[in-house]
Amino acid sequence: MEASSSPTISTGGQFVAATPDNSQWALTGRSISQATPAGMTEGPGGTASPSNGNITNRRVLILNQNYEPLSLCTVRRAIVMTLRGAAEVVETHTFLAVRTVSHAFPAPSVVRLGQYIRPPTRNVILNRKNLLIRDNYRCQYCGVKLANLTIDHIRPRQKGGEDTWENLVCACPRCNSMKGDRTPERAGMKLLSRPRRPHQINFIRQFAANGDPAWRPYLFME
């Protein structure tokens, strides 16, 4: 399956396109990359640097005006959003700053939109990668974590089983072989949990493990 195009929402003349992956934002008809201030550099400890790599590419959590988690973007894009009045900084990365020739900006970690936008309906794409994320890379029968997990149809295809979130789970090769073309009940096996269609916030939480701890309260992880 292929991902659909990113939805675009109008917010009083400003346009915001939110995606769970790269958060392609656009403001007043111009893309963030086009609107980024010229000469933006970064450098720890007050020393300017010509590079804009590591710090400006860090992930930033984007909240709606009501603090609902919406998406992720980069530090670079978050700074431009705040400079243009589209968002405000809620949390910053400790001891990290992005510097221009004349200014230093604390690297944002969480930003909040200045205007409420109605979150678009964004269904998580059903594919192997997202199934692994939903099931936390764990066999849903025995609980083992493996790199070579397979995808199992709870109700086998031969018996009318469909490719849906509710009928697909991750399984280790051993459990998949034991189950065969049977339902878990017929095979005497039990699922660890009932599979469901995931919400986008579940996928944002996956980034929280490697992201800033400041995200956790906003993702209802505390």
N, C-alpha and C. Protein backbone atom coordinates (compact mmCIF):
# COMPACT_ATOMS: atom_id res chain seq x y z
N MET A 1 0.83 -1.18 0.00
CA MET A 1 0.00 0.00 0.00
C MET A 1 0.87 1.24 0.00
N GLU A 2 0.38 2.35 -0.62
CA GLU A 2 1.15 3.56 -0.68
C GLU A 2 0.48 4.61 0.19
N ALA A 3 1.32 5.49 0.77
CA ALA A 3 0.80 6.54 1.62
C ALA A 3 0.05 7.56 0.78
N SER A 4 -1.03 8.10 1.35
CA SER A 4 -1.77 9.14 0.66
C SER A 4 -1.04 10.46 0.83
N SER A 5 -1.41 11.46 0.03
CA SER A 5 -0.75 12.75 0.11
C SER A 5 -1.08 13.43 1.43
N SER A 6 -0.21 14.34 1.86
CA SER A 6 -0.37 15.00 3.15
C SER A 6 -1.55 15.95 3.11
N PRO A 7 -2.43 15.93 4.13
CA PRO A 7 -3.55 16.84 4.15
C PRO A 7 -3.08 18.25 4.45
N THR A 8 -3.77 19.26 3.91
CA THR A 8 -3.44 20.65 4.15
C THR A 8 -4.64 21.32 4.79
N ILE A 9 -4.40 22.08 5.87
CA ILE A 9 -5.47 22.71 6.61
C ILE A 9 -5.28 24.20 6.56
N SER A 10 -6.34 24.94 6.29
CA SER A 10 -6.25 26.38 6.27
C SER A 10 -6.54 26.93 7.65
N THR A 11 -5.69 27.83 8.13
CA THR A 11 -5.90 28.43 9.44
C THR A 11 -5.74 29.94 9.31
N GLY A 12 -6.79 30.58 8.83
CA GLY A 12 -6.77 32.02 8.76
C GLY A 12 -5.70 32.57 7.86
N GLY A 13 -5.55 32.02 6.66
CA GLY A 13 -4.56 32.51 5.72
C GLY A 13 -3.24 31.80 5.80
N GLN A 14 -3.01 31.04 6.88
CA GLN A 14 -1.80 30.25 6.98
C GLN A 14 -2.16 28.80 6.72
N PHE A 15 -1.29 28.09 6.07
CA PHE A 15 -1.57 26.73 5.69
C PHE A 15 -0.61 25.79 6.38
N VAL A 16 -1.18 24.80 7.02
CA VAL A 16 -0.36 23.85 7.76
C VAL A 16 -0.66 22.46 7.25
N ALA A 17 0.37 21.76 6.80
CA ALA A 17 0.21 20.38 6.36
C ALA A 17 0.90 19.49 7.38
N ALA A 18 0.14 18.66 8.06
CA ALA A 18 0.70 17.84 9.14
C ALA A 18 0.80 16.39 8.72
N THR A 19 1.96 15.79 8.93
CA THR A 19 2.15 14.37 8.66
C THR A 19 2.86 13.74 9.83
N PRO A 20 2.65 12.44 10.07
CA PRO A 20 3.32 11.81 11.21
C PRO A 20 4.80 11.60 11.01
N ASP A 21 5.28 11.69 9.79
CA ASP A 21 6.68 11.37 9.54
C ASP A 21 7.55 12.61 9.48
N ASN A 22 7.41 13.40 8.39
CA ASN A 22 8.34 14.51 8.24
C ASN A 22 7.67 15.86 8.42
N SER A 23 6.38 15.89 8.72
CA SER A 23 5.68 17.12 9.04
C SER A 23 5.98 18.24 8.06
N GLN A 24 5.53 18.09 6.84
CA GLN A 24 5.78 19.09 5.81
C GLN A 24 4.86 20.29 6.05
N TRP A 25 5.39 21.29 6.75
CA TRP A 25 4.60 22.47 7.08
C TRP A 25 4.76 23.51 5.99
N ALA A 26 3.70 24.28 5.76
CA ALA A 26 3.80 25.41 4.84
C ALA A 26 3.07 26.58 5.46
N LEU A 27 3.66 27.76 5.41
CA LEU A 27 3.08 28.95 6.03
C LEU A 27 2.88 30.01 4.96
N THR A 28 1.68 30.60 4.94
CA THR A 28 1.32 31.65 3.99
C THR A 28 1.78 31.31 2.58
N GLY A 29 1.54 30.05 2.21
CA GLY A 29 1.82 29.64 0.85
C GLY A 29 3.27 29.32 0.56
N ARG A 30 4.18 29.47 1.54
CA ARG A 30 5.59 29.19 1.30
C ARG A 30 6.02 28.03 2.17
N SER A 31 6.86 27.17 1.63
CA SER A 31 7.31 26.03 2.42
C SER A 31 8.30 26.49 3.46
N ILE A 32 8.42 25.70 4.53
CA ILE A 32 9.35 26.04 5.60
C ILE A 32 10.77 26.12 5.08
N SER A 33 11.15 25.18 4.23
CA SER A 33 12.53 25.19 3.74
C SER A 33 12.82 26.47 2.96
N GLN A 34 11.81 27.00 2.23
CA GLN A 34 12.00 28.23 1.50
C GLN A 34 12.03 29.44 2.43
N ALA A 35 11.28 29.32 3.56
CA ALA A 35 11.15 30.47 4.45
C ALA A 35 12.22 30.52 5.53
N THR A 36 13.05 29.51 5.65
CA THR A 36 14.06 29.48 6.69
C THR A 36 15.01 30.68 6.56
N PRO A 37 15.27 31.40 7.67
CA PRO A 37 16.16 32.56 7.58
C PRO A 37 17.52 32.21 7.01
N ALA A 38 18.00 33.07 6.14
CA ALA A 38 19.30 32.81 5.52
C ALA A 38 20.40 32.87 6.56
N GLY A 39 21.41 32.06 6.38
CA GLY A 39 22.56 32.09 7.25
C GLY A 39 22.37 31.40 8.58
N MET A 40 21.30 30.62 8.75
CA MET A 40 21.10 29.94 10.03
C MET A 40 22.23 28.95 10.25
N THR A 41 22.86 29.08 11.39
CA THR A 41 23.93 28.17 11.76
C THR A 41 23.69 27.70 13.17
N GLU A 42 24.48 26.77 13.62
CA GLU A 42 24.33 26.27 14.97
C GLU A 42 25.71 26.08 15.58
N GLY A 43 25.75 26.07 16.91
CA GLY A 43 27.02 25.84 17.56
C GLY A 43 26.85 25.85 19.06
N PRO A 44 27.28 24.79 19.75
CA PRO A 44 27.15 24.76 21.20
C PRO A 44 28.14 25.69 21.87
N GLY A 45 27.80 26.09 23.08
CA GLY A 45 28.73 26.87 23.89
C GLY A 45 29.02 28.25 23.36
N GLY A 46 28.11 28.81 22.53
CA GLY A 46 28.26 30.18 22.06
C GLY A 46 29.14 30.33 20.85
N THR A 47 29.59 29.26 20.28
CA THR A 47 30.45 29.33 19.10
C THR A 47 29.64 29.03 17.85
N ALA A 48 29.59 29.99 16.94
CA ALA A 48 28.82 29.79 15.72
C ALA A 48 29.49 28.75 14.85
N SER A 49 28.68 28.08 14.05
CA SER A 49 29.19 27.02 13.17
C SER A 49 28.48 27.11 11.84
N PRO A 50 29.15 26.81 10.73
CA PRO A 50 28.50 26.86 9.42
C PRO A 50 27.57 25.68 9.20
N SER A 51 27.63 24.69 10.07
CA SER A 51 26.81 23.50 9.89
C SER A 51 25.42 23.69 10.49
N ASN A 52 24.38 23.12 9.85
CA ASN A 52 23.03 23.16 10.42
C ASN A 52 22.46 21.75 10.45
N GLY A 53 23.33 20.78 10.76
CA GLY A 53 22.93 19.39 10.68
C GLY A 53 22.28 18.83 11.92
N ASN A 54 23.08 18.42 12.90
CA ASN A 54 22.57 17.61 13.99
C ASN A 54 21.47 18.27 14.79
N ILE A 55 21.68 19.51 15.25
CA ILE A 55 20.69 20.16 16.11
C ILE A 55 19.42 20.49 15.35
N THR A 56 19.54 21.09 14.18
CA THR A 56 18.35 21.53 13.45
C THR A 56 17.54 20.37 12.90
N ASN A 57 18.13 19.17 12.86
CA ASN A 57 17.39 18.01 12.39
C ASN A 57 16.76 17.20 13.53
N ARG A 58 16.93 17.64 14.77
CA ARG A 58 16.30 16.95 15.89
C ARG A 58 14.79 17.06 15.79
N ARG A 59 14.09 16.07 16.38
CA ARG A 59 12.64 16.04 16.33
C ARG A 59 12.02 17.00 17.35
N VAL A 60 10.92 17.61 16.96
CA VAL A 60 10.14 18.50 17.83
C VAL A 60 8.69 18.03 17.82
N LEU A 61 8.09 17.95 18.99
CA LEU A 61 6.69 17.57 19.11
C LEU A 61 5.81 18.78 18.87
N ILE A 62 4.82 18.65 17.99
CA ILE A 62 3.89 19.73 17.69
C ILE A 62 2.57 19.46 18.38
N LEU A 63 2.10 20.45 19.15
CA LEU A 63 0.82 20.36 19.84
C LEU A 63 -0.18 21.31 19.19
N ASN A 64 -1.44 20.91 19.21
CA ASN A 64 -2.50 21.81 18.79
C ASN A 64 -2.64 22.90 19.85
N GLN A 65 -3.47 23.89 19.59
CA GLN A 65 -3.65 24.97 20.56
C GLN A 65 -4.18 24.44 21.90
N ASN A 66 -4.95 23.34 21.85
CA ASN A 66 -5.48 22.75 23.07
C ASN A 66 -4.56 21.69 23.68
N TYR A 67 -3.30 21.67 23.24
CA TYR A 67 -2.25 20.78 23.73
C TYR A 67 -2.42 19.33 23.26
N GLU A 68 -3.27 19.10 22.29
CA GLU A 68 -3.40 17.76 21.70
C GLU A 68 -2.20 17.47 20.82
N PRO A 69 -1.52 16.33 20.99
CA PRO A 69 -0.39 16.01 20.11
C PRO A 69 -0.85 15.86 18.67
N LEU A 70 -0.13 16.52 17.77
CA LEU A 70 -0.50 16.48 16.35
C LEU A 70 0.50 15.73 15.49
N SER A 71 1.78 16.08 15.64
CA SER A 71 2.76 15.54 14.70
C SER A 71 4.16 15.86 15.20
N LEU A 72 5.14 15.60 14.33
CA LEU A 72 6.54 15.91 14.61
C LEU A 72 7.10 16.76 13.48
N CYS A 73 8.08 17.58 13.81
CA CYS A 73 8.81 18.31 12.77
C CYS A 73 10.26 18.43 13.25
N THR A 74 11.08 19.13 12.50
CA THR A 74 12.47 19.33 12.89
C THR A 74 12.61 20.64 13.68
N VAL A 75 13.73 20.77 14.39
CA VAL A 75 14.02 22.01 15.10
C VAL A 75 14.01 23.19 14.14
N ARG A 76 14.59 22.99 12.98
CA ARG A 76 14.67 24.06 11.97
C ARG A 76 13.29 24.59 11.63
N ARG A 77 12.35 23.68 11.35
CA ARG A 77 11.00 24.10 10.98
C ARG A 77 10.26 24.70 12.16
N ALA A 78 10.49 24.15 13.35
CA ALA A 78 9.82 24.68 14.53
C ALA A 78 10.23 26.13 14.79
N ILE A 79 11.51 26.45 14.60
CA ILE A 79 11.98 27.82 14.81
C ILE A 79 11.31 28.77 13.83
N VAL A 80 11.20 28.36 12.58
CA VAL A 80 10.56 29.22 11.58
C VAL A 80 9.10 29.44 11.93
N MET A 81 8.42 28.40 12.40
CA MET A 81 7.02 28.53 12.81
C MET A 81 6.87 29.56 13.92
N THR A 82 7.79 29.53 14.89
CA THR A 82 7.70 30.49 15.99
C THR A 82 8.04 31.90 15.53
N LEU A 83 9.02 32.04 14.65
CA LEU A 83 9.38 33.36 14.14
C LEU A 83 8.24 34.00 13.36
N ARG A 84 7.45 33.19 12.70
CA ARG A 84 6.34 33.71 11.92
C ARG A 84 5.03 33.78 12.71
N GLY A 85 5.10 33.47 13.99
CA GLY A 85 3.92 33.61 14.83
C GLY A 85 2.92 32.49 14.72
N ALA A 86 3.28 31.39 14.06
CA ALA A 86 2.35 30.28 13.91
C ALA A 86 2.35 29.37 15.12
N ALA A 87 3.40 29.46 15.95
CA ALA A 87 3.50 28.57 17.11
C ALA A 87 4.32 29.24 18.19
N GLU A 88 4.21 28.71 19.40
CA GLU A 88 5.02 29.18 20.52
C GLU A 88 5.80 28.02 21.09
N VAL A 89 6.98 28.30 21.63
CA VAL A 89 7.80 27.25 22.23
C VAL A 89 7.28 26.94 23.63
N VAL A 90 7.04 25.66 23.89
CA VAL A 90 6.56 25.20 25.19
C VAL A 90 7.71 24.59 26.00
N GLU A 91 8.55 23.79 25.33
CA GLU A 91 9.71 23.16 25.98
C GLU A 91 10.92 23.31 25.05
N THR A 92 12.10 23.42 25.64
CA THR A 92 13.31 23.52 24.84
C THR A 92 14.27 22.39 25.20
N HIS A 93 15.19 22.08 24.28
CA HIS A 93 16.26 21.12 24.54
C HIS A 93 17.28 21.78 25.45
N THR A 94 17.60 21.14 26.54
CA THR A 94 18.56 21.70 27.50
C THR A 94 19.95 21.82 26.87
N PHE A 95 20.54 23.00 27.02
CA PHE A 95 21.92 23.28 26.59
C PHE A 95 22.11 23.23 25.07
N LEU A 96 21.04 23.27 24.31
CA LEU A 96 21.18 23.27 22.85
C LEU A 96 20.61 24.57 22.29
N ALA A 97 21.33 25.15 21.34
CA ALA A 97 20.87 26.39 20.72
C ALA A 97 21.18 26.37 19.24
N VAL A 98 20.34 27.04 18.48
CA VAL A 98 20.56 27.23 17.05
C VAL A 98 20.89 28.71 16.86
N ARG A 99 21.96 28.98 16.13
CA ARG A 99 22.46 30.35 16.05
C ARG A 99 22.49 30.87 14.61
N THR A 100 22.11 32.15 14.49
CA THR A 100 22.31 32.86 13.24
C THR A 100 23.49 33.80 13.46
N VAL A 101 23.74 34.66 12.50
CA VAL A 101 24.84 35.61 12.65
C VAL A 101 24.60 36.53 13.83
N SER A 102 23.33 36.88 14.07
CA SER A 102 23.04 37.89 15.11
C SER A 102 22.18 37.39 16.26
N HIS A 103 21.65 36.17 16.18
CA HIS A 103 20.76 35.69 17.23
C HIS A 103 21.08 34.24 17.60
N ALA A 104 20.69 33.89 18.83
CA ALA A 104 20.76 32.51 19.28
C ALA A 104 19.37 32.10 19.72
N PHE A 105 18.88 30.95 19.21
CA PHE A 105 17.56 30.46 19.54
C PHE A 105 17.69 29.16 20.33
N PRO A 106 17.14 29.11 21.56
CA PRO A 106 17.11 27.82 22.25
C PRO A 106 16.41 26.79 21.38
N ALA A 107 16.98 25.62 21.22
CA ALA A 107 16.42 24.59 20.35
C ALA A 107 15.10 24.09 20.94
N PRO A 108 13.98 24.30 20.25
CA PRO A 108 12.69 23.86 20.79
C PRO A 108 12.57 22.35 20.81
N SER A 109 11.87 21.85 21.81
CA SER A 109 11.56 20.43 21.91
C SER A 109 10.07 20.18 21.73
N VAL A 110 9.25 21.11 22.23
CA VAL A 110 7.79 21.05 22.08
C VAL A 110 7.30 22.43 21.69
N VAL A 111 6.48 22.49 20.65
CA VAL A 111 5.86 23.76 20.25
C VAL A 111 4.35 23.59 20.21
N ARG A 112 3.65 24.71 20.38
CA ARG A 112 2.18 24.71 20.41
C ARG A 112 1.66 25.70 19.38
N LEU A 113 0.73 25.26 18.55
CA LEU A 113 0.17 26.12 17.51
C LEU A 113 -0.57 27.28 18.15
N GLY A 114 -0.50 28.45 17.50
CA GLY A 114 -1.19 29.63 18.01
C GLY A 114 -2.68 29.60 17.75
N GLN A 115 -3.10 28.86 16.72
CA GLN A 115 -4.52 28.73 16.40
C GLN A 115 -4.88 27.25 16.36
N TYR A 116 -6.09 26.97 16.81
CA TYR A 116 -6.55 25.58 16.79
C TYR A 116 -6.83 25.15 15.36
N ILE A 117 -6.36 23.97 15.00
CA ILE A 117 -6.71 23.40 13.70
C ILE A 117 -7.44 22.08 13.94
N ARG A 118 -8.38 21.80 13.10
CA ARG A 118 -9.10 20.54 13.20
C ARG A 118 -8.21 19.43 12.67
N PRO A 119 -7.85 18.49 13.54
CA PRO A 119 -6.95 17.42 13.07
C PRO A 119 -7.57 16.65 11.92
N PRO A 120 -6.83 16.47 10.84
CA PRO A 120 -7.38 15.69 9.73
C PRO A 120 -7.48 14.22 10.10
N THR A 121 -8.34 13.52 9.39
CA THR A 121 -8.45 12.08 9.58
C THR A 121 -7.26 11.44 8.90
N ARG A 122 -6.39 10.86 9.70
CA ARG A 122 -5.17 10.27 9.16
C ARG A 122 -5.09 8.82 9.60
N ASN A 123 -5.49 7.95 8.73
CA ASN A 123 -5.41 6.52 9.05
C ASN A 123 -3.96 6.05 8.92
N VAL A 124 -3.51 5.31 9.91
CA VAL A 124 -2.17 4.74 9.85
C VAL A 124 -2.17 3.66 8.76
N ILE A 125 -1.19 3.72 7.88
CA ILE A 125 -1.13 2.79 6.75
C ILE A 125 -0.87 1.37 7.25
N LEU A 126 -1.63 0.45 6.73
CA LEU A 126 -1.46 -0.95 7.09
C LEU A 126 -0.33 -1.55 6.26
N ASN A 127 0.81 -1.77 6.89
CA ASN A 127 1.92 -2.44 6.23
C ASN A 127 2.76 -3.16 7.30
N ARG A 128 3.74 -3.89 6.86
CA ARG A 128 4.55 -4.68 7.78
C ARG A 128 5.24 -3.82 8.83
N LYS A 129 5.83 -2.72 8.39
CA LYS A 129 6.56 -1.85 9.31
C LYS A 129 5.64 -1.35 10.42
N ASN A 130 4.45 -0.90 10.07
CA ASN A 130 3.55 -0.35 11.07
C ASN A 130 2.95 -1.43 11.96
N LEU A 131 2.80 -2.64 11.44
CA LEU A 131 2.37 -3.75 12.29
C LEU A 131 3.43 -4.06 13.35
N LEU A 132 4.69 -4.03 12.94
CA LEU A 132 5.78 -4.28 13.89
C LEU A 132 5.80 -3.21 14.98
N ILE A 133 5.57 -1.95 14.58
CA ILE A 133 5.54 -0.87 15.56
C ILE A 133 4.36 -1.05 16.51
N ARG A 134 3.18 -1.34 15.95
CA ARG A 134 2.00 -1.51 16.81
C ARG A 134 2.21 -2.61 17.83
N ASP A 135 2.81 -3.73 17.40
CA ASP A 135 2.99 -4.88 18.29
C ASP A 135 4.31 -4.84 19.05
N ASN A 136 5.01 -3.68 18.94
CA ASN A 136 6.25 -3.47 19.70
C ASN A 136 7.28 -4.54 19.40
N TYR A 137 7.33 -4.98 18.14
CA TYR A 137 8.33 -5.95 17.68
C TYR A 137 8.32 -7.22 18.54
N ARG A 138 7.12 -7.63 18.93
CA ARG A 138 6.98 -8.77 19.83
C ARG A 138 5.97 -9.78 19.25
N CYS A 139 6.30 -11.06 19.34
CA CYS A 139 5.37 -12.10 18.93
C CYS A 139 4.12 -12.01 19.79
N GLN A 140 2.96 -11.98 19.16
CA GLN A 140 1.72 -11.80 19.89
C GLN A 140 1.15 -13.10 20.45
N TYR A 141 1.92 -14.18 20.32
CA TYR A 141 1.52 -15.45 20.92
C TYR A 141 2.41 -15.81 22.11
N CYS A 142 3.71 -15.74 21.93
CA CYS A 142 4.62 -16.14 23.02
C CYS A 142 5.33 -14.96 23.67
N GLY A 143 5.29 -13.80 23.02
CA GLY A 143 5.87 -12.60 23.61
C GLY A 143 7.34 -12.37 23.33
N VAL A 144 7.98 -13.25 22.57
CA VAL A 144 9.39 -13.09 22.30
C VAL A 144 9.62 -11.94 21.32
N LYS A 145 10.76 -11.23 21.48
CA LYS A 145 11.15 -10.18 20.55
C LYS A 145 12.22 -10.72 19.63
N LEU A 146 11.97 -10.64 18.32
CA LEU A 146 12.90 -11.14 17.32
C LEU A 146 13.02 -10.16 16.16
N ALA A 147 14.12 -10.28 15.44
CA ALA A 147 14.30 -9.44 14.26
C ALA A 147 13.58 -10.02 13.05
N ASN A 148 13.32 -11.33 13.06
CA ASN A 148 12.72 -11.98 11.89
C ASN A 148 11.27 -12.39 12.15
N LEU A 149 10.49 -11.50 12.75
CA LEU A 149 9.09 -11.80 12.99
C LEU A 149 8.33 -11.91 11.66
N THR A 150 7.31 -12.75 11.67
CA THR A 150 6.44 -12.91 10.51
C THR A 150 5.11 -12.24 10.80
N ILE A 151 4.28 -12.11 9.77
CA ILE A 151 2.93 -11.55 9.92
C ILE A 151 1.93 -12.69 9.78
N ASP A 152 1.09 -12.84 10.79
CA ASP A 152 0.14 -13.95 10.84
C ASP A 152 -1.29 -13.45 10.69
N HIS A 153 -2.08 -14.17 9.89
CA HIS A 153 -3.52 -13.93 9.81
C HIS A 153 -4.20 -14.72 10.93
N ILE A 154 -4.85 -14.02 11.85
CA ILE A 154 -5.52 -14.71 12.96
C ILE A 154 -6.56 -15.67 12.40
N ARG A 155 -7.43 -15.16 11.56
CA ARG A 155 -8.32 -16.02 10.79
C ARG A 155 -7.66 -16.24 9.44
N PRO A 156 -7.24 -17.47 9.14
CA PRO A 156 -6.46 -17.72 7.91
C PRO A 156 -7.18 -17.25 6.65
N ARG A 157 -6.39 -16.88 5.67
CA ARG A 157 -6.96 -16.47 4.38
C ARG A 157 -7.84 -17.54 3.77
N GLN A 158 -7.41 -18.79 3.92
CA GLN A 158 -8.18 -19.90 3.35
C GLN A 158 -9.57 -19.99 3.96
N LYS A 159 -9.75 -19.40 5.13
CA LYS A 159 -11.05 -19.43 5.79
C LYS A 159 -11.74 -18.07 5.76
N GLY A 160 -11.33 -17.23 4.84
CA GLY A 160 -11.97 -15.93 4.67
C GLY A 160 -11.34 -14.79 5.44
N GLY A 161 -10.17 -15.03 6.03
CA GLY A 161 -9.50 -13.97 6.78
C GLY A 161 -9.01 -12.86 5.87
N GLU A 162 -9.17 -11.61 6.31
CA GLU A 162 -8.82 -10.45 5.49
C GLU A 162 -7.55 -9.78 6.01
N ASP A 163 -6.99 -8.92 5.16
CA ASP A 163 -5.82 -8.13 5.54
C ASP A 163 -6.30 -6.87 6.25
N THR A 164 -6.57 -6.97 7.54
CA THR A 164 -7.03 -5.85 8.34
C THR A 164 -6.21 -5.75 9.62
N TRP A 165 -6.23 -4.59 10.25
CA TRP A 165 -5.53 -4.40 11.52
C TRP A 165 -6.00 -5.41 12.56
N GLU A 166 -7.29 -5.73 12.52
CA GLU A 166 -7.87 -6.61 13.53
C GLU A 166 -7.57 -8.09 13.27
N ASN A 167 -7.10 -8.41 12.06
CA ASN A 167 -6.86 -9.81 11.73
C ASN A 167 -5.39 -10.14 11.51
N LEU A 168 -4.52 -9.16 11.68
CA LEU A 168 -3.09 -9.38 11.47
C LEU A 168 -2.31 -9.10 12.74
N VAL A 169 -1.37 -9.99 13.06
CA VAL A 169 -0.48 -9.81 14.21
C VAL A 169 0.92 -10.27 13.86
N CYS A 170 1.89 -9.80 14.63
CA CYS A 170 3.26 -10.28 14.48
C CYS A 170 3.40 -11.61 15.20
N ALA A 171 4.13 -12.54 14.59
CA ALA A 171 4.35 -13.85 15.19
C ALA A 171 5.76 -14.32 14.87
N CYS A 172 6.38 -14.99 15.83
CA CYS A 172 7.69 -15.56 15.57
C CYS A 172 7.52 -16.76 14.65
N PRO A 173 8.55 -17.17 13.92
CA PRO A 173 8.42 -18.30 13.00
C PRO A 173 7.91 -19.58 13.69
N ARG A 174 8.33 -19.79 14.91
CA ARG A 174 7.91 -20.99 15.62
C ARG A 174 6.40 -20.99 15.87
N CYS A 175 5.88 -19.89 16.40
CA CYS A 175 4.44 -19.82 16.69
C CYS A 175 3.62 -19.84 15.40
N ASN A 176 4.12 -19.18 14.37
CA ASN A 176 3.39 -19.16 13.11
C ASN A 176 3.31 -20.57 12.53
N SER A 177 4.40 -21.33 12.65
CA SER A 177 4.41 -22.70 12.16
C SER A 177 3.48 -23.59 12.98
N MET A 178 3.49 -23.41 14.30
CA MET A 178 2.61 -24.21 15.17
C MET A 178 1.14 -23.93 14.87
N LYS A 179 0.81 -22.69 14.61
CA LYS A 179 -0.59 -22.32 14.35
C LYS A 179 -1.06 -22.83 13.00
N GLY A 180 -0.18 -22.69 12.01
CA GLY A 180 -0.54 -23.17 10.67
C GLY A 180 -1.77 -22.48 10.13
N ASP A 181 -2.58 -23.21 9.39
CA ASP A 181 -3.81 -22.66 8.79
C ASP A 181 -5.00 -22.88 9.70
N ARG A 182 -4.82 -22.54 10.97
CA ARG A 182 -5.90 -22.69 11.95
C ARG A 182 -6.10 -21.37 12.68
N THR A 183 -7.25 -21.24 13.31
CA THR A 183 -7.46 -20.10 14.19
C THR A 183 -6.72 -20.37 15.50
N PRO A 184 -6.44 -19.33 16.28
CA PRO A 184 -5.76 -19.57 17.55
C PRO A 184 -6.52 -20.54 18.45
N GLU A 185 -7.83 -20.47 18.44
CA GLU A 185 -8.63 -21.38 19.27
C GLU A 185 -8.42 -22.83 18.87
N ARG A 186 -8.46 -23.09 17.56
CA ARG A 186 -8.28 -24.45 17.07
C ARG A 186 -6.85 -24.95 17.33
N ALA A 187 -5.91 -24.02 17.35
CA ALA A 187 -4.51 -24.41 17.57
C ALA A 187 -4.16 -24.45 19.06
N GLY A 188 -5.10 -24.09 19.92
CA GLY A 188 -4.82 -24.08 21.35
C GLY A 188 -3.85 -22.99 21.77
N MET A 189 -3.89 -21.86 21.04
CA MET A 189 -2.97 -20.74 21.31
C MET A 189 -3.79 -19.51 21.69
N LYS A 190 -3.18 -18.64 22.46
CA LYS A 190 -3.86 -17.45 22.94
C LYS A 190 -3.06 -16.21 22.59
N LEU A 191 -3.77 -15.18 22.10
CA LEU A 191 -3.12 -13.91 21.79
C LEU A 191 -2.83 -13.13 23.07
N LEU A 192 -1.72 -12.42 23.08
CA LEU A 192 -1.38 -11.60 24.24
C LEU A 192 -2.38 -10.48 24.46
N SER A 193 -2.90 -9.93 23.36
CA SER A 193 -3.88 -8.86 23.43
C SER A 193 -4.70 -8.85 22.15
N ARG A 194 -5.83 -8.22 22.21
CA ARG A 194 -6.69 -8.14 21.03
C ARG A 194 -6.15 -7.08 20.08
N PRO A 195 -5.88 -7.43 18.84
CA PRO A 195 -5.31 -6.45 17.91
C PRO A 195 -6.34 -5.38 17.52
N ARG A 196 -5.88 -4.15 17.45
CA ARG A 196 -6.75 -3.03 17.11
C ARG A 196 -6.06 -2.13 16.10
N ARG A 197 -6.86 -1.30 15.45
CA ARG A 197 -6.31 -0.28 14.57
C ARG A 197 -5.62 0.77 15.44
N PRO A 198 -4.36 1.07 15.19
CA PRO A 198 -3.64 2.02 16.07
C PRO A 198 -4.02 3.46 15.79
N HIS A 199 -3.89 4.27 16.82
CA HIS A 199 -4.06 5.72 16.68
C HIS A 199 -2.70 6.33 16.41
N GLN A 200 -2.70 7.48 15.73
CA GLN A 200 -1.42 8.09 15.36
C GLN A 200 -0.56 8.42 16.58
N ILE A 201 -1.19 8.74 17.70
CA ILE A 201 -0.41 9.09 18.90
C ILE A 201 0.45 7.91 19.34
N ASN A 202 -0.01 6.68 19.06
CA ASN A 202 0.80 5.50 19.41
C ASN A 202 2.13 5.52 18.67
N PHE A 203 2.10 6.03 17.44
CA PHE A 203 3.32 6.05 16.65
C PHE A 203 4.23 7.21 17.07
N ILE A 204 3.63 8.32 17.48
CA ILE A 204 4.45 9.41 18.00
C ILE A 204 5.16 8.96 19.27
N ARG A 205 4.48 8.13 20.06
CA ARG A 205 5.09 7.64 21.30
C ARG A 205 6.32 6.79 21.02
N GLN A 206 6.36 6.15 19.86
CA GLN A 206 7.54 5.35 19.53
C GLN A 206 8.78 6.23 19.46
N PHE A 207 8.61 7.49 19.00
CA PHE A 207 9.74 8.40 18.92
C PHE A 207 10.14 8.91 20.30
N ALA A 208 9.19 8.88 21.25
CA ALA A 208 9.47 9.41 22.58
C ALA A 208 10.57 8.62 23.27
N ALA A 209 10.72 7.35 22.92
CA ALA A 209 11.76 6.52 23.55
C ALA A 209 13.14 7.10 23.26
N ASN A 210 13.32 7.68 22.05
CA ASN A 210 14.61 8.26 21.68
C ASN A 210 14.56 9.78 21.65
N GLY A 211 13.40 10.34 22.04
CA GLY A 211 13.23 11.78 22.01
C GLY A 211 13.48 12.41 23.37
N ASP A 212 13.03 13.64 23.50
CA ASP A 212 13.22 14.38 24.74
C ASP A 212 12.24 13.89 25.79
N PRO A 213 12.70 13.64 27.03
CA PRO A 213 11.78 13.23 28.10
C PRO A 213 10.66 14.24 28.33
N ALA A 214 10.88 15.49 27.91
CA ALA A 214 9.85 16.53 28.08
C ALA A 214 8.59 16.22 27.29
N TRP A 215 8.67 15.34 26.30
CA TRP A 215 7.48 14.98 25.51
C TRP A 215 6.49 14.16 26.32
N ARG A 216 6.97 13.41 27.27
CA ARG A 216 6.16 12.37 27.90
C ARG A 216 4.84 12.87 28.49
N PRO A 217 4.79 13.98 29.22
CA PRO A 217 3.51 14.44 29.75
C PRO A 217 2.48 14.76 28.67
N TYR A 218 2.96 15.27 27.53
CA TYR A 218 2.05 15.67 26.46
C TYR A 218 1.55 14.47 25.66
N LEU A 219 2.21 13.32 25.80
CA LEU A 219 1.80 12.09 25.12
C LEU A 219 1.12 11.14 26.09
N PHE A 220 0.74 11.65 27.27
CA PHE A 220 0.01 10.86 28.29
C PHE A 220 0.80 9.62 28.69
N MET A 221 2.10 9.80 28.84
CA MET A 221 2.96 8.68 29.20
C MET A 221 3.39 8.77 30.67
N GLU A 222 2.82 9.72 31.41
CA GLU A 222 3.13 9.83 32.83
C GLU A 222 1.85 9.95 33.64
